[in-house]
Amino acid sequence: MYDVLVVGGGPAGLNAALVSGRQRRRVLLVDSGKPRNAPAAEMHMFLSRDGFSPAELRKLGREELSAYPGVELVEDAVTSLVPTDGGFEATLSGGATHRVRKVVLATGQVDLTDGVEGLAERFGRGVYHCPFCHGWETRGKTLAVLGRELPQVMLALYVRDRFSDDVVVCTDGHPVPEQAADKLAAAGIEVRETPLSRIEGEEDALRLVFADGEVVERQAVYHRAPTRQHSALAEQLGCTLLPDGCVRVDEFQRTSVAGVYAAGDTARMEALPDAVTFVIAGAADGARAAVWIDQELFREDAGLGG
């Protein structure tokens, strides 16, 4: 019987396992090796690691876990979690089963980038989702913003204000939202409603090819892609999901299912309008979940109640 099962080995999962291991908990960390930020060469806004490689961070995190004998790392995927007396039974894709007392879901999200040819291959390397994560690197460059929903289009106003005087909005065959049209015009932001056929080229030399044959050259593109949960485990367990697909958690990272916590961009509090998907925020979520799981286990073992 493991004290804690951590599903997912990104910053949230690694930090949850680290904190739990330091409290001498028996931890099983299961990682499928498919992180959301795998395409990105750099991460930012992580104190002491600004500009660091996300892959290197995961490598170092795994190495740090080896100092704690109670933490076991398995490269696999959890395919099912079934509530049992005193915890859960986890089944892995390889067929192994494990009994665990508490669960941290840190499985992350998947960006759905298959809407335009060439977009997926350049996501994280010329096409970016977040001006906080990549804005500094795109300052002064020619930019495009892809999207037709109001938050996507309004992103153009933000990057125009903070990072570039040359911004184009591409709505891929849809009219620009009425609420944004006047503001975009006032800011001098060009709007192209022609369908986008494909994206070509490399970072700093991208070519947006439209259905009418016209080509617009840009140095970087912003696109807030829709997302889905990387794993179906939260839904399988009956955790409450928010309209954007995130798992609803409280201030302790607890889900609506007893004994199940969630951390990183898998989850957010309902009171927040959007998830903050910074790497450092994910790591903080993982630490928070581990602290309160440890306290819950302590209270249970000491007979102190909830």
C-alpha atoms as a PDB file:
ATOM      1  CA  MET A   1       0.000   0.000   0.000  1.00  0.00           C
ATOM      2  CA  TYR A   2       1.449   3.331  -1.091  1.00  0.00           C
ATOM      3  CA  ASP A   3       0.582   6.461   0.868  1.00  0.00           C
ATOM      4  CA  VAL A   4       0.424   8.608  -2.266  1.00  0.00           C
ATOM      5  CA  LEU A   5       0.037   7.940  -5.963  1.00  0.00           C
ATOM      6  CA  VAL A   6       1.178  10.843  -8.139  1.00  0.00           C
ATOM      7  CA  VAL A   7       0.010  10.575 -11.743  1.00  0.00           C
ATOM      8  CA  GLY A   8       2.166  12.713 -14.029  1.00  0.00           C
ATOM      9  CA  GLY A   9       5.837  13.659 -13.854  1.00  0.00           C
ATOM     10  CA  GLY A  10       5.845  17.330 -14.806  1.00  0.00           C
ATOM     11  CA  PRO A  11       6.686  20.134 -12.355  1.00  0.00           C
ATOM     12  CA  ALA A  12       3.476  19.618 -10.339  1.00  0.00           C
ATOM     13  CA  GLY A  13       3.869  15.862 -10.051  1.00  0.00           C
ATOM     14  CA  LEU A  14       7.601  15.932  -9.375  1.00  0.00           C
ATOM     15  CA  ASN A  15       7.207  18.499  -6.621  1.00  0.00           C
ATOM     16  CA  ALA A  16       4.305  16.601  -5.044  1.00  0.00           C
ATOM     17  CA  ALA A  17       6.466  13.477  -4.965  1.00  0.00           C
ATOM     18  CA  LEU A  18       9.440  15.421  -3.577  1.00  0.00           C
ATOM     19  CA  VAL A  19       7.486  16.988  -0.716  1.00  0.00           C
ATOM     20  CA  SER A  20       5.806  13.679   0.125  1.00  0.00           C
ATOM     21  CA  GLY A  21       9.116  11.803  -0.004  1.00  0.00           C
ATOM     22  CA  ARG A  22      10.698  14.267   2.392  1.00  0.00           C
ATOM     23  CA  GLN A  23       7.904  13.506   4.869  1.00  0.00           C
ATOM     24  CA  ARG A  24       8.876   9.832   4.647  1.00  0.00           C
ATOM     25  CA  ARG A  25       5.731   8.895   2.806  1.00  0.00           C
ATOM     26  CA  ARG A  26       5.729   5.901   0.472  1.00  0.00           C
ATOM     27  CA  VAL A  27       5.110   7.433  -2.938  1.00  0.00           C
ATOM     28  CA  LEU A  28       4.469   5.941  -6.379  1.00  0.00           C
ATOM     29  CA  LEU A  29       5.055   8.415  -9.213  1.00  0.00           C
ATOM     30  CA  VAL A  30       3.768   7.208 -12.591  1.00  0.00           C
ATOM     31  CA  ASP A  31       4.814   9.233 -15.630  1.00  0.00           C
ATOM     32  CA  SER A  32       3.899   8.562 -19.255  1.00  0.00           C
ATOM     33  CA  GLY A  33       6.694  10.820 -20.522  1.00  0.00           C
ATOM     34  CA  LYS A  34       4.443  13.078 -22.626  1.00  0.00           C
ATOM     35  CA  PRO A  35       4.667  16.576 -21.094  1.00  0.00           C
ATOM     36  CA  ARG A  36       2.605  19.428 -22.502  1.00  0.00           C
ATOM     37  CA  ASN A  37       5.634  21.710 -22.907  1.00  0.00           C
ATOM     38  CA  ALA A  38       7.791  19.105 -24.684  1.00  0.00           C
ATOM     39  CA  PRO A  39       8.058  21.282 -27.846  1.00  0.00           C
ATOM     40  CA  ALA A  40       9.394  24.294 -25.899  1.00  0.00           C
ATOM     41  CA  ALA A  41      13.140  24.870 -25.808  1.00  0.00           C
ATOM     42  CA  GLU A  42      12.936  27.250 -22.836  1.00  0.00           C
ATOM     43  CA  MET A  43      10.757  28.042 -19.841  1.00  0.00           C
ATOM     44  CA  HIS A  44      10.528  31.371 -18.048  1.00  0.00           C
ATOM     45  CA  MET A  45       9.441  33.053 -14.812  1.00  0.00           C
ATOM     46  CA  PHE A  46      10.909  30.268 -12.690  1.00  0.00           C
ATOM     47  CA  LEU A  47      13.210  31.935 -10.173  1.00  0.00           C
ATOM     48  CA  SER A  48      16.839  30.838 -10.736  1.00  0.00           C
ATOM     49  CA  ARG A  49      15.785  28.868 -13.864  1.00  0.00           C
ATOM     50  CA  ASP A  50      14.660  31.614 -16.271  1.00  0.00           C
ATOM     51  CA  GLY A  51      15.414  30.432 -19.811  1.00  0.00           C
ATOM     52  CA  PHE A  52      16.071  26.887 -18.585  1.00  0.00           C
ATOM     53  CA  SER A  53      15.164  23.818 -20.643  1.00  0.00           C
ATOM     54  CA  PRO A  54      11.900  22.173 -19.492  1.00  0.00           C
ATOM     55  CA  ALA A  55      13.366  18.764 -20.342  1.00  0.00           C
ATOM     56  CA  GLU A  56      16.417  19.495 -18.184  1.00  0.00           C
ATOM     57  CA  LEU A  57      14.177  20.585 -15.302  1.00  0.00           C
ATOM     58  CA  ARG A  58      12.320  17.272 -15.449  1.00  0.00           C
ATOM     59  CA  LYS A  59      15.630  15.389 -15.599  1.00  0.00           C
ATOM     60  CA  LEU A  60      16.994  17.205 -12.546  1.00  0.00           C
ATOM     61  CA  GLY A  61      13.706  16.724 -10.700  1.00  0.00           C
ATOM     62  CA  ARG A  62      13.871  12.991 -11.225  1.00  0.00           C
ATOM     63  CA  GLU A  63      17.462  12.920 -10.022  1.00  0.00           C
ATOM     64  CA  GLU A  64      16.509  14.777  -6.841  1.00  0.00           C
ATOM     65  CA  LEU A  65      13.797  12.222  -6.087  1.00  0.00           C
ATOM     66  CA  SER A  66      16.421   9.465  -5.992  1.00  0.00           C
ATOM     67  CA  ALA A  67      17.628  10.848  -2.651  1.00  0.00           C
ATOM     68  CA  TYR A  68      14.361   9.701  -1.030  1.00  0.00           C
ATOM     69  CA  PRO A  69      14.040   5.904  -0.843  1.00  0.00           C
ATOM     70  CA  GLY A  70      10.307   6.081  -0.240  1.00  0.00           C
ATOM     71  CA  VAL A  71       9.682   7.482  -3.722  1.00  0.00           C
ATOM     72  CA  GLU A  72       9.340   5.019  -6.590  1.00  0.00           C
ATOM     73  CA  LEU A  73       9.215   6.237 -10.193  1.00  0.00           C
ATOM     74  CA  VAL A  74       7.538   4.119 -12.867  1.00  0.00           C
ATOM     75  CA  GLU A  75       7.456   5.050 -16.548  1.00  0.00           C
ATOM     76  CA  ASP A  76       3.962   3.991 -17.526  1.00  0.00           C
ATOM     77  CA  ALA A  77       0.416   5.324 -17.692  1.00  0.00           C
ATOM     78  CA  VAL A  78      -2.395   4.858 -15.179  1.00  0.00           C
ATOM     79  CA  THR A  79      -5.406   3.574 -17.089  1.00  0.00           C
ATOM     80  CA  SER A  80      -7.891   3.256 -14.227  1.00  0.00           C
ATOM     81  CA  LEU A  81      -8.419   4.249 -10.620  1.00  0.00           C
ATOM     82  CA  VAL A  82     -11.087   2.444  -8.636  1.00  0.00           C
ATOM     83  CA  PRO A  83     -12.101   3.472  -5.094  1.00  0.00           C
ATOM     84  CA  THR A  84     -11.564   0.696  -2.555  1.00  0.00           C
ATOM     85  CA  ASP A  85     -11.777   0.376   1.195  1.00  0.00           C
ATOM     86  CA  GLY A  86      -9.136   2.750   2.535  1.00  0.00           C
ATOM     87  CA  GLY A  87      -8.042   4.190  -0.802  1.00  0.00           C
ATOM     88  CA  PHE A  88      -7.847   3.279  -4.471  1.00  0.00           C
ATOM     89  CA  GLU A  89      -6.628   0.546  -6.777  1.00  0.00           C
ATOM     90  CA  ALA A  90      -4.572   1.837  -9.688  1.00  0.00           C
ATOM     91  CA  THR A  91      -4.105  -0.167 -12.868  1.00  0.00           C
ATOM     92  CA  LEU A  92      -1.237   0.676 -15.202  1.00  0.00           C
ATOM     93  CA  SER A  93      -1.180   0.181 -18.959  1.00  0.00           C
ATOM     94  CA  GLY A  94       1.435  -2.539 -18.488  1.00  0.00           C
ATOM     95  CA  GLY A  95      -1.036  -4.517 -16.387  1.00  0.00           C
ATOM     96  CA  ALA A  96       0.402  -3.900 -12.920  1.00  0.00           C
ATOM     97  CA  THR A  97      -1.993  -2.943 -10.111  1.00  0.00           C
ATOM     98  CA  HIS A  98      -1.207  -0.976  -6.957  1.00  0.00           C
ATOM     99  CA  ARG A  99      -3.138  -0.040  -3.838  1.00  0.00           C
ATOM    100  CA  VAL A 100      -2.805   3.594  -2.774  1.00  0.00           C
ATOM    101  CA  ARG A 101      -4.329   5.738  -0.042  1.00  0.00           C
ATOM    102  CA  LYS A 102      -4.364   9.151  -1.739  1.00  0.00           C
ATOM    103  CA  VAL A 103      -4.029  10.379  -5.305  1.00  0.00           C
ATOM    104  CA  VAL A 104      -2.549  13.480  -6.929  1.00  0.00           C
ATOM    105  CA  LEU A 105      -3.653  13.988 -10.527  1.00  0.00           C
ATOM    106  CA  ALA A 106      -0.939  16.013 -12.269  1.00  0.00           C
ATOM    107  CA  THR A 107      -1.604  14.761 -15.767  1.00  0.00           C
ATOM    108  CA  GLY A 108      -1.821  18.161 -17.445  1.00  0.00           C
ATOM    109  CA  GLN A 109      -3.606  19.319 -20.566  1.00  0.00           C
ATOM    110  CA  VAL A 110      -3.162  18.720 -24.288  1.00  0.00           C
ATOM    111  CA  ASP A 111      -3.156  21.656 -26.724  1.00  0.00           C
ATOM    112  CA  LEU A 112      -5.385  20.972 -29.722  1.00  0.00           C
ATOM    113  CA  THR A 113      -3.289  22.392 -32.538  1.00  0.00           C
ATOM    114  CA  ASP A 114      -4.533  20.440 -35.554  1.00  0.00           C
ATOM    115  CA  GLY A 115      -6.807  23.151 -36.961  1.00  0.00           C
ATOM    116  CA  VAL A 116      -4.279  24.639 -39.402  1.00  0.00           C
ATOM    117  CA  GLU A 117      -1.630  22.766 -41.382  1.00  0.00           C
ATOM    118  CA  GLY A 118       1.838  23.434 -39.970  1.00  0.00           C
ATOM    119  CA  LEU A 119       0.608  24.804 -36.655  1.00  0.00           C
ATOM    120  CA  ALA A 120       1.311  21.739 -34.484  1.00  0.00           C
ATOM    121  CA  GLU A 121       4.881  21.371 -35.774  1.00  0.00           C
ATOM    122  CA  ARG A 122       5.678  24.977 -34.816  1.00  0.00           C
ATOM    123  CA  PHE A 123       3.830  25.151 -31.508  1.00  0.00           C
ATOM    124  CA  GLY A 124       6.348  26.263 -28.890  1.00  0.00           C
ATOM    125  CA  ARG A 125       8.886  27.109 -31.594  1.00  0.00           C
ATOM    126  CA  GLY A 126       7.619  30.194 -33.379  1.00  0.00           C
ATOM    127  CA  VAL A 127       3.946  29.753 -32.506  1.00  0.00           C
ATOM    128  CA  TYR A 128       3.310  30.577 -28.843  1.00  0.00           C
ATOM    129  CA  HIS A 129       0.324  30.377 -26.527  1.00  0.00           C
ATOM    130  CA  CYS A 130       1.291  32.815 -23.780  1.00  0.00           C
ATOM    131  CA  PRO A 131       2.713  36.365 -23.872  1.00  0.00           C
ATOM    132  CA  PHE A 132       3.858  36.028 -20.274  1.00  0.00           C
ATOM    133  CA  CYS A 133       5.931  32.965 -21.190  1.00  0.00           C
ATOM    134  CA  HIS A 134       7.240  34.271 -24.518  1.00  0.00           C
ATOM    135  CA  GLY A 135       6.465  37.983 -24.797  1.00  0.00           C
ATOM    136  CA  TRP A 136       9.942  39.204 -23.873  1.00  0.00           C
ATOM    137  CA  GLU A 137      11.488  37.048 -26.595  1.00  0.00           C
ATOM    138  CA  THR A 138       9.052  38.426 -29.198  1.00  0.00           C
ATOM    139  CA  ARG A 139       9.466  42.098 -28.321  1.00  0.00           C
ATOM    140  CA  GLY A 140       9.879  44.295 -31.373  1.00  0.00           C
ATOM    141  CA  LYS A 141       9.031  41.480 -33.790  1.00  0.00           C
ATOM    142  CA  THR A 142       6.302  41.295 -36.403  1.00  0.00           C
ATOM    143  CA  LEU A 143       3.478  39.306 -34.795  1.00  0.00           C
ATOM    144  CA  ALA A 144       0.259  37.575 -35.772  1.00  0.00           C
ATOM    145  CA  VAL A 145      -2.509  36.451 -33.446  1.00  0.00           C
ATOM    146  CA  LEU A 146      -4.641  33.512 -34.587  1.00  0.00           C
ATOM    147  CA  GLY A 147      -8.173  33.011 -33.318  1.00  0.00           C
ATOM    148  CA  ARG A 148     -11.795  34.026 -33.638  1.00  0.00           C
ATOM    149  CA  GLU A 149     -13.042  33.966 -30.024  1.00  0.00           C
ATOM    150  CA  LEU A 150     -13.036  37.237 -28.103  1.00  0.00           C
ATOM    151  CA  PRO A 151     -10.233  36.305 -25.630  1.00  0.00           C
ATOM    152  CA  GLN A 152      -8.033  35.188 -28.536  1.00  0.00           C
ATOM    153  CA  VAL A 153      -8.655  38.360 -30.521  1.00  0.00           C
ATOM    154  CA  MET A 154      -8.170  40.620 -27.490  1.00  0.00           C
ATOM    155  CA  LEU A 155      -4.758  39.043 -27.037  1.00  0.00           C
ATOM    156  CA  ALA A 156      -3.737  41.105 -30.075  1.00  0.00           C
ATOM    157  CA  LEU A 157      -4.445  44.310 -28.139  1.00  0.00           C
ATOM    158  CA  TYR A 158      -2.300  43.065 -25.293  1.00  0.00           C
ATOM    159  CA  VAL A 159       0.756  42.153 -27.371  1.00  0.00           C
ATOM    160  CA  ARG A 160       0.348  45.400 -29.346  1.00  0.00           C
ATOM    161  CA  ASP A 161       0.478  47.340 -26.070  1.00  0.00           C
ATOM    162  CA  ARG A 162       3.383  45.427 -24.540  1.00  0.00           C
ATOM    163  CA  PHE A 163       5.628  44.006 -27.238  1.00  0.00           C
ATOM    164  CA  SER A 164       5.168  45.093 -30.861  1.00  0.00           C
ATOM    165  CA  ASP A 165       3.883  47.882 -33.079  1.00  0.00           C
ATOM    166  CA  ASP A 166       3.217  45.437 -35.926  1.00  0.00           C
ATOM    167  CA  VAL A 167       0.403  42.999 -35.107  1.00  0.00           C
ATOM    168  CA  VAL A 168      -2.073  41.246 -37.421  1.00  0.00           C
ATOM    169  CA  VAL A 169      -5.165  39.324 -36.325  1.00  0.00           C
ATOM    170  CA  CYS A 170      -6.124  36.256 -38.389  1.00  0.00           C
ATOM    171  CA  THR A 171      -9.629  34.919 -37.717  1.00  0.00           C
ATOM    172  CA  ASP A 172      -9.441  32.020 -40.210  1.00  0.00           C
ATOM    173  CA  GLY A 173     -12.627  32.675 -42.135  1.00  0.00           C
ATOM    174  CA  HIS A 174     -14.709  34.052 -39.267  1.00  0.00           C
ATOM    175  CA  PRO A 175     -15.844  37.623 -38.603  1.00  0.00           C
ATOM    176  CA  VAL A 176     -13.986  39.449 -35.871  1.00  0.00           C
ATOM    177  CA  PRO A 177     -16.067  39.660 -32.663  1.00  0.00           C
ATOM    178  CA  GLU A 178     -18.189  42.814 -32.670  1.00  0.00           C
ATOM    179  CA  GLN A 179     -16.932  43.894 -29.246  1.00  0.00           C
ATOM    180  CA  ALA A 180     -13.332  43.958 -30.486  1.00  0.00           C
ATOM    181  CA  ALA A 181     -13.589  45.483 -33.957  1.00  0.00           C
ATOM    182  CA  ASP A 182     -13.453  49.170 -32.974  1.00  0.00           C
ATOM    183  CA  LYS A 183     -10.690  48.615 -30.443  1.00  0.00           C
ATOM    184  CA  LEU A 184      -8.525  46.764 -32.935  1.00  0.00           C
ATOM    185  CA  ALA A 185      -9.023  49.504 -35.514  1.00  0.00           C
ATOM    186  CA  ALA A 186      -8.184  52.220 -32.990  1.00  0.00           C
ATOM    187  CA  ALA A 187      -4.956  50.383 -32.112  1.00  0.00           C
ATOM    188  CA  GLY A 188      -3.979  50.105 -35.764  1.00  0.00           C
ATOM    189  CA  ILE A 189      -4.196  46.324 -35.772  1.00  0.00           C
ATOM    190  CA  GLU A 190      -4.962  44.813 -39.163  1.00  0.00           C
ATOM    191  CA  VAL A 191      -7.625  42.075 -39.283  1.00  0.00           C
ATOM    192  CA  ARG A 192      -7.553  39.304 -41.874  1.00  0.00           C
ATOM    193  CA  GLU A 193     -10.708  37.216 -42.013  1.00  0.00           C
ATOM    194  CA  THR A 194      -9.665  35.086 -45.013  1.00  0.00           C
ATOM    195  CA  PRO A 195      -9.315  31.376 -44.146  1.00  0.00           C
ATOM    196  CA  LEU A 196      -5.754  30.358 -43.293  1.00  0.00           C
ATOM    197  CA  SER A 197      -4.473  27.382 -45.304  1.00  0.00           C
ATOM    198  CA  ARG A 198      -1.159  26.677 -43.613  1.00  0.00           C
ATOM    199  CA  ILE A 199       1.870  28.003 -41.751  1.00  0.00           C
ATOM    200  CA  GLU A 200       5.324  27.549 -43.236  1.00  0.00           C
ATOM    201  CA  GLY A 201       8.886  28.484 -42.348  1.00  0.00           C
ATOM    202  CA  GLU A 202      10.804  28.648 -39.102  1.00  0.00           C
ATOM    203  CA  GLU A 203      10.918  30.843 -36.011  1.00  0.00           C
ATOM    204  CA  ASP A 204      11.608  34.474 -36.986  1.00  0.00           C
ATOM    205  CA  ALA A 205      10.732  33.652 -40.621  1.00  0.00           C
ATOM    206  CA  LEU A 206       7.175  32.327 -40.643  1.00  0.00           C
ATOM    207  CA  ARG A 207       4.861  32.461 -43.650  1.00  0.00           C
ATOM    208  CA  LEU A 208       1.086  32.511 -43.183  1.00  0.00           C
ATOM    209  CA  VAL A 209      -0.482  31.233 -46.400  1.00  0.00           C
ATOM    210  CA  PHE A 210      -4.143  32.130 -46.892  1.00  0.00           C
ATOM    211  CA  ALA A 211      -6.806  30.375 -48.970  1.00  0.00           C
ATOM    212  CA  ASP A 212      -6.740  33.150 -51.584  1.00  0.00           C
ATOM    213  CA  GLY A 213      -2.997  32.597 -52.109  1.00  0.00           C
ATOM    214  CA  GLU A 214      -1.858  35.686 -50.238  1.00  0.00           C
ATOM    215  CA  VAL A 215       1.138  35.273 -47.962  1.00  0.00           C
ATOM    216  CA  VAL A 216       1.889  37.269 -44.794  1.00  0.00           C
ATOM    217  CA  GLU A 217       5.362  37.022 -43.290  1.00  0.00           C
ATOM    218  CA  ARG A 218       5.664  37.162 -39.516  1.00  0.00           C
ATOM    219  CA  GLN A 219       8.468  36.572 -37.035  1.00  0.00           C
ATOM    220  CA  ALA A 220       6.220  35.015 -34.378  1.00  0.00           C
ATOM    221  CA  VAL A 221       2.609  33.937 -33.926  1.00  0.00           C
ATOM    222  CA  TYR A 222       0.398  33.774 -30.842  1.00  0.00           C
ATOM    223  CA  HIS A 223      -2.403  31.254 -30.640  1.00  0.00           C
ATOM    224  CA  ARG A 224      -4.382  30.248 -27.560  1.00  0.00           C
ATOM    225  CA  ALA A 225      -5.295  26.755 -28.677  1.00  0.00           C
ATOM    226  CA  PRO A 226      -8.245  24.942 -27.128  1.00  0.00           C
ATOM    227  CA  THR A 227      -7.235  22.211 -24.703  1.00  0.00           C
ATOM    228  CA  ARG A 228      -8.454  18.936 -23.271  1.00  0.00           C
ATOM    229  CA  GLN A 229      -7.429  16.833 -20.314  1.00  0.00           C
ATOM    230  CA  HIS A 230      -4.398  14.651 -21.047  1.00  0.00           C
ATOM    231  CA  SER A 231      -5.982  11.852 -19.031  1.00  0.00           C
ATOM    232  CA  ALA A 232      -9.557  10.692 -18.524  1.00  0.00           C
ATOM    233  CA  LEU A 233      -8.901   9.681 -14.913  1.00  0.00           C
ATOM    234  CA  ALA A 234     -10.577  12.719 -13.327  1.00  0.00           C
ATOM    235  CA  GLU A 235     -13.746  12.161 -15.325  1.00  0.00           C
ATOM    236  CA  GLN A 236     -13.567   8.423 -14.634  1.00  0.00           C
ATOM    237  CA  LEU A 237     -13.416   9.085 -10.895  1.00  0.00           C
ATOM    238  CA  GLY A 238     -16.340  11.505 -11.042  1.00  0.00           C
ATOM    239  CA  CYS A 239     -14.370  14.660 -10.233  1.00  0.00           C
ATOM    240  CA  THR A 240     -16.249  17.860 -10.968  1.00  0.00           C
ATOM    241  CA  LEU A 241     -14.985  19.528 -14.138  1.00  0.00           C
ATOM    242  CA  LEU A 242     -15.270  23.232 -14.929  1.00  0.00           C
ATOM    243  CA  PRO A 243     -16.639  24.459 -18.278  1.00  0.00           C
ATOM    244  CA  ASP A 244     -13.114  24.811 -19.691  1.00  0.00           C
ATOM    245  CA  GLY A 245     -12.365  21.166 -18.832  1.00  0.00           C
ATOM    246  CA  CYS A 246     -10.144  21.868 -15.819  1.00  0.00           C
ATOM    247  CA  VAL A 247     -10.676  19.794 -12.695  1.00  0.00           C
ATOM    248  CA  ARG A 248     -12.283  21.905  -9.982  1.00  0.00           C
ATOM    249  CA  VAL A 249     -10.161  22.111  -6.839  1.00  0.00           C
ATOM    250  CA  ASP A 250     -10.334  24.068  -3.603  1.00  0.00           C
ATOM    251  CA  GLU A 251      -7.581  26.055  -1.897  1.00  0.00           C
ATOM    252  CA  PHE A 252      -5.997  22.788  -0.683  1.00  0.00           C
ATOM    253  CA  GLN A 253      -5.924  21.279  -4.222  1.00  0.00           C
ATOM    254  CA  ARG A 254      -8.708  18.865  -3.232  1.00  0.00           C
ATOM    255  CA  THR A 255     -11.112  17.720  -5.934  1.00  0.00           C
ATOM    256  CA  SER A 256     -14.775  16.886  -5.330  1.00  0.00           C
ATOM    257  CA  VAL A 257     -13.801  13.232  -4.765  1.00  0.00           C
ATOM    258  CA  ALA A 258     -12.492  12.372  -1.302  1.00  0.00           C
ATOM    259  CA  GLY A 259      -8.831  11.398  -1.312  1.00  0.00           C
ATOM    260  CA  VAL A 260      -8.181  12.780  -4.810  1.00  0.00           C
ATOM    261  CA  TYR A 261      -6.157  15.966  -5.286  1.00  0.00           C
ATOM    262  CA  ALA A 262      -5.192  17.678  -8.538  1.00  0.00           C
ATOM    263  CA  ALA A 263      -2.318  20.025  -9.359  1.00  0.00           C
ATOM    264  CA  GLY A 264      -0.776  21.943 -12.236  1.00  0.00           C
ATOM    265  CA  ASP A 265      -2.663  22.906 -15.376  1.00  0.00           C
ATOM    266  CA  THR A 266      -4.941  19.901 -14.891  1.00  0.00           C
ATOM    267  CA  ALA A 267      -6.890  21.909 -12.329  1.00  0.00           C
ATOM    268  CA  ARG A 268      -7.941  25.316 -11.066  1.00  0.00           C
ATOM    269  CA  MET A 269     -10.161  26.908  -8.453  1.00  0.00           C
ATOM    270  CA  GLU A 270     -13.607  27.851  -9.696  1.00  0.00           C
ATOM    271  CA  ALA A 271     -13.205  31.427  -8.437  1.00  0.00           C
ATOM    272  CA  LEU A 272     -10.301  32.025 -10.832  1.00  0.00           C
ATOM    273  CA  PRO A 273     -11.326  33.135 -14.348  1.00  0.00           C
ATOM    274  CA  ASP A 274      -8.547  31.145 -15.989  1.00  0.00           C
ATOM    275  CA  ALA A 275      -5.794  28.705 -15.096  1.00  0.00           C
ATOM    276  CA  VAL A 276      -2.296  30.138 -14.553  1.00  0.00           C
ATOM    277  CA  THR A 277      -0.163  27.638 -16.428  1.00  0.00           C
ATOM    278  CA  PHE A 278       3.323  28.848 -15.511  1.00  0.00           C
ATOM    279  CA  VAL A 279       5.813  26.075 -14.687  1.00  0.00           C
ATOM    280  CA  ILE A 280       6.524  27.587 -11.288  1.00  0.00           C
ATOM    281  CA  ALA A 281       2.793  27.762 -10.500  1.00  0.00           C
ATOM    282  CA  GLY A 282       2.447  24.067 -11.323  1.00  0.00           C
ATOM    283  CA  ALA A 283       5.313  23.225  -8.991  1.00  0.00           C
ATOM    284  CA  ALA A 284       3.659  25.282  -6.241  1.00  0.00           C
ATOM    285  CA  ASP A 285       0.362  23.439  -6.746  1.00  0.00           C
ATOM    286  CA  GLY A 286       2.168  20.123  -6.373  1.00  0.00           C
ATOM    287  CA  ALA A 287       3.793  21.204  -3.114  1.00  0.00           C
ATOM    288  CA  ARG A 288       0.464  22.454  -1.758  1.00  0.00           C
ATOM    289  CA  ALA A 289      -1.297  19.193  -2.610  1.00  0.00           C
ATOM    290  CA  ALA A 290       1.448  17.142  -0.960  1.00  0.00           C
ATOM    291  CA  VAL A 291       1.372  19.196   2.257  1.00  0.00           C
ATOM    292  CA  TRP A 292      -2.365  18.763   2.726  1.00  0.00           C
ATOM    293  CA  ILE A 293      -2.313  15.093   1.756  1.00  0.00           C
ATOM    294  CA  ASP A 294       0.358  14.552   4.395  1.00  0.00           C
ATOM    295  CA  GLN A 295      -1.785  16.302   6.997  1.00  0.00           C
ATOM    296  CA  GLU A 296      -4.846  14.288   5.968  1.00  0.00           C
ATOM    297  CA  LEU A 297      -2.900  11.034   6.311  1.00  0.00           C
ATOM    298  CA  PHE A 298      -1.556  12.133   9.689  1.00  0.00           C
ATOM    299  CA  ARG A 299      -5.048  12.922  10.999  1.00  0.00           C
ATOM    300  CA  GLU A 300      -6.398   9.605   9.756  1.00  0.00           C
ATOM    301  CA  ASP A 301      -3.576   7.594  11.332  1.00  0.00           C
ATOM    302  CA  ALA A 302      -3.841   9.507  14.625  1.00  0.00           C
ATOM    303  CA  GLY A 303      -7.612   9.081  14.755  1.00  0.00           C
ATOM    304  CA  LEU A 304      -8.127  12.847  14.729  1.00  0.00           C
ATOM    305  CA  GLY A 305     -10.914  12.857  12.150  1.00  0.00           C
ATOM    306  CA  GLY A 306     -11.295  15.248   9.228  1.00  0.00           C
END
